[in-house]
Amino acid sequence: MRWRVWFDRLLVLLILLAAWQGGSLWLGNYWLSAPWSVATRFFAALFNGEMVFHAGYTISEALAGSVIGGVPAVLLPFLLRRQPIVVAILDPFMVGGYGAPKLAFAPLFILWFGIGIESKIALVAAVVFFIVYFSTLSGVRALEPKLVQMAQVIGASERQVGRHIVFPGAVPAIFAGFRIAVPYAIGGAVIAELISSNRGLGYLVQTGAMNFDTTQVFVAILAATIIVHAFIAVIDLGERFLLRWRPRGAVLIADHGT
């Protein structure tokens, strides 16, 4: 099954590349850069260090914002686990914050934190926080109450319950939240760079668009896509490490499910 999945993925990739190449031939390389042109420019920028410089700036923003926004988002549901009234009071405000268009706040973040990296980190943190919070909260709420009751019956403290029962049970939901938040984090960083920056993948997109260089725009998009996949791979490794106690069959089923 695993080999079949990889084969089908490769087949879909080839179909997409063929469609991309056909669109480039039909519209012209000026309007839609060919895959080979994008790949050639990408590796040229990678080897001369330009891509490493700009991608590293975007990665720094996404990592810092994900930590600043993600850590409180994970801790808060655990702290409020025994406070359902507080959760109910905060719920409409959290929903409002989740539904608010974060990218519309980008000019405000630039006004508050300046045009440097701080405003980009703040935007990414705002995007990541609400996604991870609601995912973690759903994982904490989905925990079987009987497990907690059994642990309390045998004398487990609240700290032991949280560490050995609640947290392991919520780990899949936590990582699912980060898996969803990562593309938004990279996208938020890139869009913030589009608004105000002199470096980063968003800056490459902006300069490419201003110079009518569609190849550079696609190169930046390709780099952002690769970064997202790399982040997801790291998250998957972390999840497998924390869930190594599960039976191998359950892990395989979960992997195929995602």
Protein backbone atom coordinates (compact mmCIF):
# COMPACT_ATOMS: atom_id res chain seq x y z
CA MET A 1 0.00 0.00 0.00
CA ARG A 2 2.81 2.43 0.84
CA TRP A 3 4.50 1.89 -2.53
CA ARG A 4 1.15 2.29 -4.29
CA VAL A 5 0.59 5.62 -2.54
CA TRP A 6 4.01 6.88 -3.60
CA PHE A 7 3.45 5.71 -7.17
CA ASP A 8 0.08 7.47 -7.34
CA ARG A 9 1.62 10.64 -5.91
CA LEU A 10 4.32 10.55 -8.56
CA LEU A 11 1.69 10.02 -11.23
CA VAL A 12 -0.33 13.02 -10.02
CA LEU A 13 2.86 15.13 -9.93
CA LEU A 14 3.67 14.19 -13.53
CA ILE A 15 0.13 15.08 -14.60
CA LEU A 16 0.37 18.47 -12.90
CA LEU A 17 3.77 19.16 -14.49
CA ALA A 18 2.43 18.17 -17.89
CA ALA A 19 -0.57 20.49 -17.46
CA TRP A 20 1.77 23.26 -16.31
CA GLN A 21 4.02 22.74 -19.33
CA GLY A 22 1.02 22.70 -21.65
CA GLY A 23 -0.27 25.95 -20.18
CA SER A 24 3.17 27.52 -20.64
CA LEU A 25 3.29 26.47 -24.29
CA TRP A 26 -0.21 27.78 -24.87
CA LEU A 27 0.09 31.12 -23.04
CA GLY A 28 3.79 31.68 -23.52
CA ASN A 29 6.69 31.62 -21.07
CA TYR A 30 6.23 35.34 -20.36
CA TRP A 31 2.78 34.76 -18.85
CA LEU A 32 3.32 31.30 -17.40
CA SER A 33 6.89 30.16 -16.83
CA ALA A 34 7.69 26.61 -17.86
CA PRO A 35 8.59 24.08 -15.14
CA TRP A 36 12.11 23.72 -16.52
CA SER A 37 12.69 27.49 -16.42
CA VAL A 38 11.49 27.62 -12.82
CA ALA A 39 13.62 24.64 -11.79
CA THR A 40 16.72 26.10 -13.49
CA ARG A 41 16.28 29.49 -11.81
CA PHE A 42 15.54 27.85 -8.45
CA PHE A 43 18.73 25.79 -8.39
CA ALA A 44 20.77 28.74 -9.67
CA ALA A 45 19.44 30.89 -6.80
CA LEU A 46 20.06 28.02 -4.39
CA PHE A 47 23.68 27.52 -5.37
CA ASN A 48 24.60 31.21 -5.44
CA GLY A 49 23.14 31.70 -1.95
CA GLU A 50 20.31 34.06 -2.87
CA MET A 51 17.59 31.54 -2.12
CA VAL A 52 19.20 30.51 1.17
CA PHE A 53 19.33 34.15 2.27
CA HIS A 54 15.70 34.98 1.46
CA ALA A 55 14.24 31.61 2.50
CA GLY A 56 16.17 31.71 5.77
CA TYR A 57 14.56 35.05 6.62
CA THR A 58 11.07 33.67 5.96
CA ILE A 59 11.82 30.49 7.92
CA SER A 60 13.03 32.56 10.88
CA GLU A 61 9.78 34.52 10.92
CA ALA A 62 7.65 31.40 10.64
CA LEU A 63 9.58 29.52 13.35
CA ALA A 64 9.59 32.39 15.83
CA GLY A 65 5.93 33.17 15.22
CA SER A 66 4.94 29.51 15.51
CA VAL A 67 6.71 29.18 18.86
CA ILE A 68 5.39 32.47 20.26
CA GLY A 69 1.85 31.73 19.13
CA GLY A 70 1.86 27.95 19.45
CA VAL A 71 3.23 27.43 22.96
CA PRO A 72 0.53 29.51 24.72
CA ALA A 73 -2.07 27.93 22.46
CA VAL A 74 -1.04 24.47 23.70
CA LEU A 75 -0.74 25.41 27.37
CA LEU A 76 -3.98 27.37 27.69
CA PRO A 77 -6.41 24.45 27.12
CA PHE A 78 -4.53 22.38 29.72
CA LEU A 79 -4.62 25.22 32.23
CA LEU A 80 -8.36 25.67 31.65
CA ARG A 81 -9.18 21.95 31.63
CA ARG A 82 -10.81 22.16 35.05
CA GLN A 83 -12.34 25.58 34.39
CA PRO A 84 -15.28 24.98 32.02
CA ILE A 85 -16.96 28.25 33.00
CA VAL A 86 -13.86 30.25 32.06
CA VAL A 87 -13.67 28.36 28.75
CA ALA A 88 -17.32 29.18 28.08
CA ILE A 89 -16.71 32.86 28.85
CA LEU A 90 -13.68 33.04 26.56
CA ASP A 91 -15.22 30.97 23.76
CA PRO A 92 -16.98 33.78 21.80
CA PHE A 93 -13.87 35.94 22.01
CA MET A 94 -11.67 33.09 20.81
CA VAL A 95 -14.06 32.35 17.97
CA GLY A 96 -14.05 36.02 17.02
CA GLY A 97 -10.27 36.08 17.05
CA TYR A 98 -10.15 32.90 14.99
CA GLY A 99 -12.58 34.23 12.42
CA ALA A 100 -11.03 37.68 12.11
CA PRO A 101 -8.97 38.09 8.91
CA LYS A 102 -5.45 38.15 10.35
CA LEU A 103 -3.86 39.38 7.14
CA ALA A 104 -6.01 42.50 7.32
CA PHE A 105 -4.15 43.33 10.54
CA ALA A 106 -0.77 43.26 8.79
CA PRO A 107 -0.66 47.07 8.34
CA LEU A 108 -1.47 47.50 12.04
CA PHE A 109 1.29 45.11 13.07
CA ILE A 110 3.71 47.08 10.90
CA LEU A 111 2.51 50.29 12.59
CA TRP A 112 2.88 48.78 16.07
CA PHE A 113 6.08 46.76 15.65
CA GLY A 114 7.79 48.51 12.76
CA ILE A 115 8.83 47.33 9.32
CA GLY A 116 11.38 44.83 10.65
CA ILE A 117 11.05 41.15 11.41
CA GLU A 118 9.01 41.81 14.58
CA SER A 119 5.83 42.70 12.68
CA LYS A 120 6.06 39.53 10.58
CA ILE A 121 6.57 37.38 13.67
CA ALA A 122 3.56 39.02 15.35
CA LEU A 123 1.36 38.27 12.34
CA VAL A 124 2.47 34.63 12.20
CA ALA A 125 1.92 34.24 15.96
CA ALA A 126 -1.61 35.61 15.65
CA VAL A 127 -2.38 33.19 12.82
CA VAL A 128 -0.93 30.13 14.57
CA PHE A 129 -2.36 30.78 18.04
CA PHE A 130 -6.05 30.33 17.29
CA ILE A 131 -5.60 27.29 15.02
CA VAL A 132 -3.49 25.41 17.56
CA TYR A 133 -5.66 26.53 20.49
CA PHE A 134 -8.89 25.13 19.08
CA SER A 135 -7.21 21.94 17.91
CA THR A 136 -5.65 21.37 21.35
CA LEU A 137 -8.90 22.23 23.09
CA SER A 138 -10.74 19.63 21.01
CA GLY A 139 -8.12 17.03 21.93
CA VAL A 140 -8.42 17.80 25.64
CA ARG A 141 -12.21 17.68 25.49
CA ALA A 142 -12.18 14.38 23.58
CA LEU A 143 -10.34 12.60 26.38
CA GLU A 144 -12.24 9.68 27.90
CA PRO A 145 -13.35 10.82 31.41
CA LYS A 146 -13.16 7.27 32.75
CA LEU A 147 -9.40 7.23 32.24
CA VAL A 148 -9.02 10.31 34.43
CA GLN A 149 -11.40 8.89 37.04
CA MET A 150 -9.50 5.59 37.19
CA ALA A 151 -6.21 7.44 37.66
CA GLN A 152 -7.69 9.54 40.44
CA VAL A 153 -9.07 6.45 42.14
CA ILE A 154 -5.61 4.91 42.39
CA GLY A 155 -4.26 8.14 43.88
CA ALA A 156 -2.81 10.03 40.90
CA SER A 157 -2.32 13.75 41.48
CA GLU A 158 -3.64 16.40 39.11
CA ARG A 159 -0.14 16.91 37.74
CA GLN A 160 0.28 13.18 37.10
CA VAL A 161 -3.10 13.00 35.40
CA GLY A 162 -2.20 15.88 33.13
CA ARG A 163 1.24 14.50 32.31
CA HIS A 164 0.47 10.81 31.84
CA ILE A 165 -3.13 10.83 30.60
CA VAL A 166 -4.35 14.18 29.32
CA PHE A 167 -1.22 15.22 27.45
CA PRO A 168 -0.60 11.89 25.65
CA GLY A 169 -4.26 11.76 24.69
CA ALA A 170 -4.15 15.29 23.27
CA VAL A 171 -0.85 14.89 21.38
CA PRO A 172 -2.49 13.90 18.05
CA ALA A 173 -4.77 16.94 18.21
CA ILE A 174 -1.86 19.23 19.06
CA PHE A 175 0.19 18.05 16.11
CA ALA A 176 -2.85 18.18 13.86
CA GLY A 177 -3.22 21.83 14.82
CA PHE A 178 0.41 22.58 13.99
CA ARG A 179 0.11 20.62 10.76
CA ILE A 180 -2.78 22.87 9.73
CA ALA A 181 -1.12 26.04 11.05
CA VAL A 182 2.23 25.62 9.27
CA PRO A 183 1.01 26.54 5.74
CA TYR A 184 -0.79 29.54 7.21
CA ALA A 185 2.37 30.53 9.08
CA ILE A 186 4.51 30.43 5.94
CA GLY A 187 1.78 32.17 3.94
CA GLY A 188 1.36 34.86 6.59
CA ALA A 189 5.10 35.53 6.65
CA VAL A 190 5.26 35.78 2.86
CA ILE A 191 2.28 38.13 2.67
CA ALA A 192 3.71 40.32 5.43
CA GLU A 193 6.94 40.51 3.42
CA LEU A 194 4.92 41.51 0.37
CA ILE A 195 3.58 44.52 2.26
CA SER A 196 6.87 45.75 3.71
CA SER A 197 10.23 44.02 3.46
CA ASN A 198 13.54 44.10 1.63
CA ARG A 199 14.22 40.39 2.00
CA GLY A 200 12.38 37.08 2.20
CA LEU A 201 10.32 35.04 -0.23
CA GLY A 202 7.56 37.66 -0.21
CA TYR A 203 10.13 40.23 -1.33
CA LEU A 204 11.10 37.94 -4.22
CA VAL A 205 7.44 37.66 -5.22
CA GLN A 206 7.02 41.43 -5.04
CA THR A 207 10.12 42.26 -7.09
CA GLY A 208 9.28 39.54 -9.59
CA ALA A 209 5.77 40.93 -10.06
CA MET A 210 7.04 44.51 -10.39
CA ASN A 211 9.56 43.43 -13.05
CA PHE A 212 7.02 41.18 -14.82
CA ASP A 213 9.32 38.25 -14.07
CA THR A 214 6.89 35.38 -13.64
CA THR A 215 9.75 32.90 -13.30
CA GLN A 216 10.97 34.57 -10.12
CA VAL A 217 7.44 34.59 -8.73
CA PHE A 218 7.11 30.85 -9.32
CA VAL A 219 10.56 30.24 -7.85
CA ALA A 220 9.53 31.95 -4.62
CA ILE A 221 6.26 29.99 -4.54
CA LEU A 222 8.15 26.74 -5.12
CA ALA A 223 10.53 27.57 -2.27
CA ALA A 224 7.62 28.31 0.07
CA THR A 225 5.98 25.01 -0.89
CA ILE A 226 9.18 23.07 -0.19
CA ILE A 227 9.53 24.79 3.20
CA VAL A 228 5.95 23.84 4.11
CA HIS A 229 6.62 20.19 3.25
CA ALA A 230 9.84 20.25 5.27
CA PHE A 231 8.03 21.67 8.30
CA ILE A 232 5.29 19.06 7.97
CA ALA A 233 7.89 16.29 7.81
CA VAL A 234 9.51 17.55 11.02
CA ILE A 235 6.10 17.71 12.72
CA ASP A 236 5.34 14.13 11.63
CA LEU A 237 8.66 12.95 13.06
CA GLY A 238 7.94 14.69 16.34
CA GLU A 239 4.50 13.15 16.54
CA ARG A 240 5.84 9.67 15.88
CA PHE A 241 8.47 10.14 18.57
CA LEU A 242 5.94 11.26 21.20
CA LEU A 243 3.50 8.52 20.18
CA ARG A 244 6.06 5.72 20.01
CA TRP A 245 4.17 4.00 22.84
CA ARG A 246 1.25 3.26 20.53
CA PRO A 247 1.01 -0.10 18.78
CA ARG A 248 2.62 -0.04 15.35
CA GLY A 249 -0.67 -0.93 13.67
CA ALA A 250 -2.34 2.16 15.16
CA VAL A 251 0.51 4.36 13.95
CA LEU A 252 0.25 2.97 10.42
CA ILE A 253 -3.51 3.48 10.37
CA ALA A 254 -3.07 7.06 11.56
CA ASP A 255 -0.40 7.73 8.92
CA HIS A 256 -2.63 6.46 6.12
CA GLY A 257 -5.50 8.48 7.53
CA THR A 258 -3.53 11.72 7.24
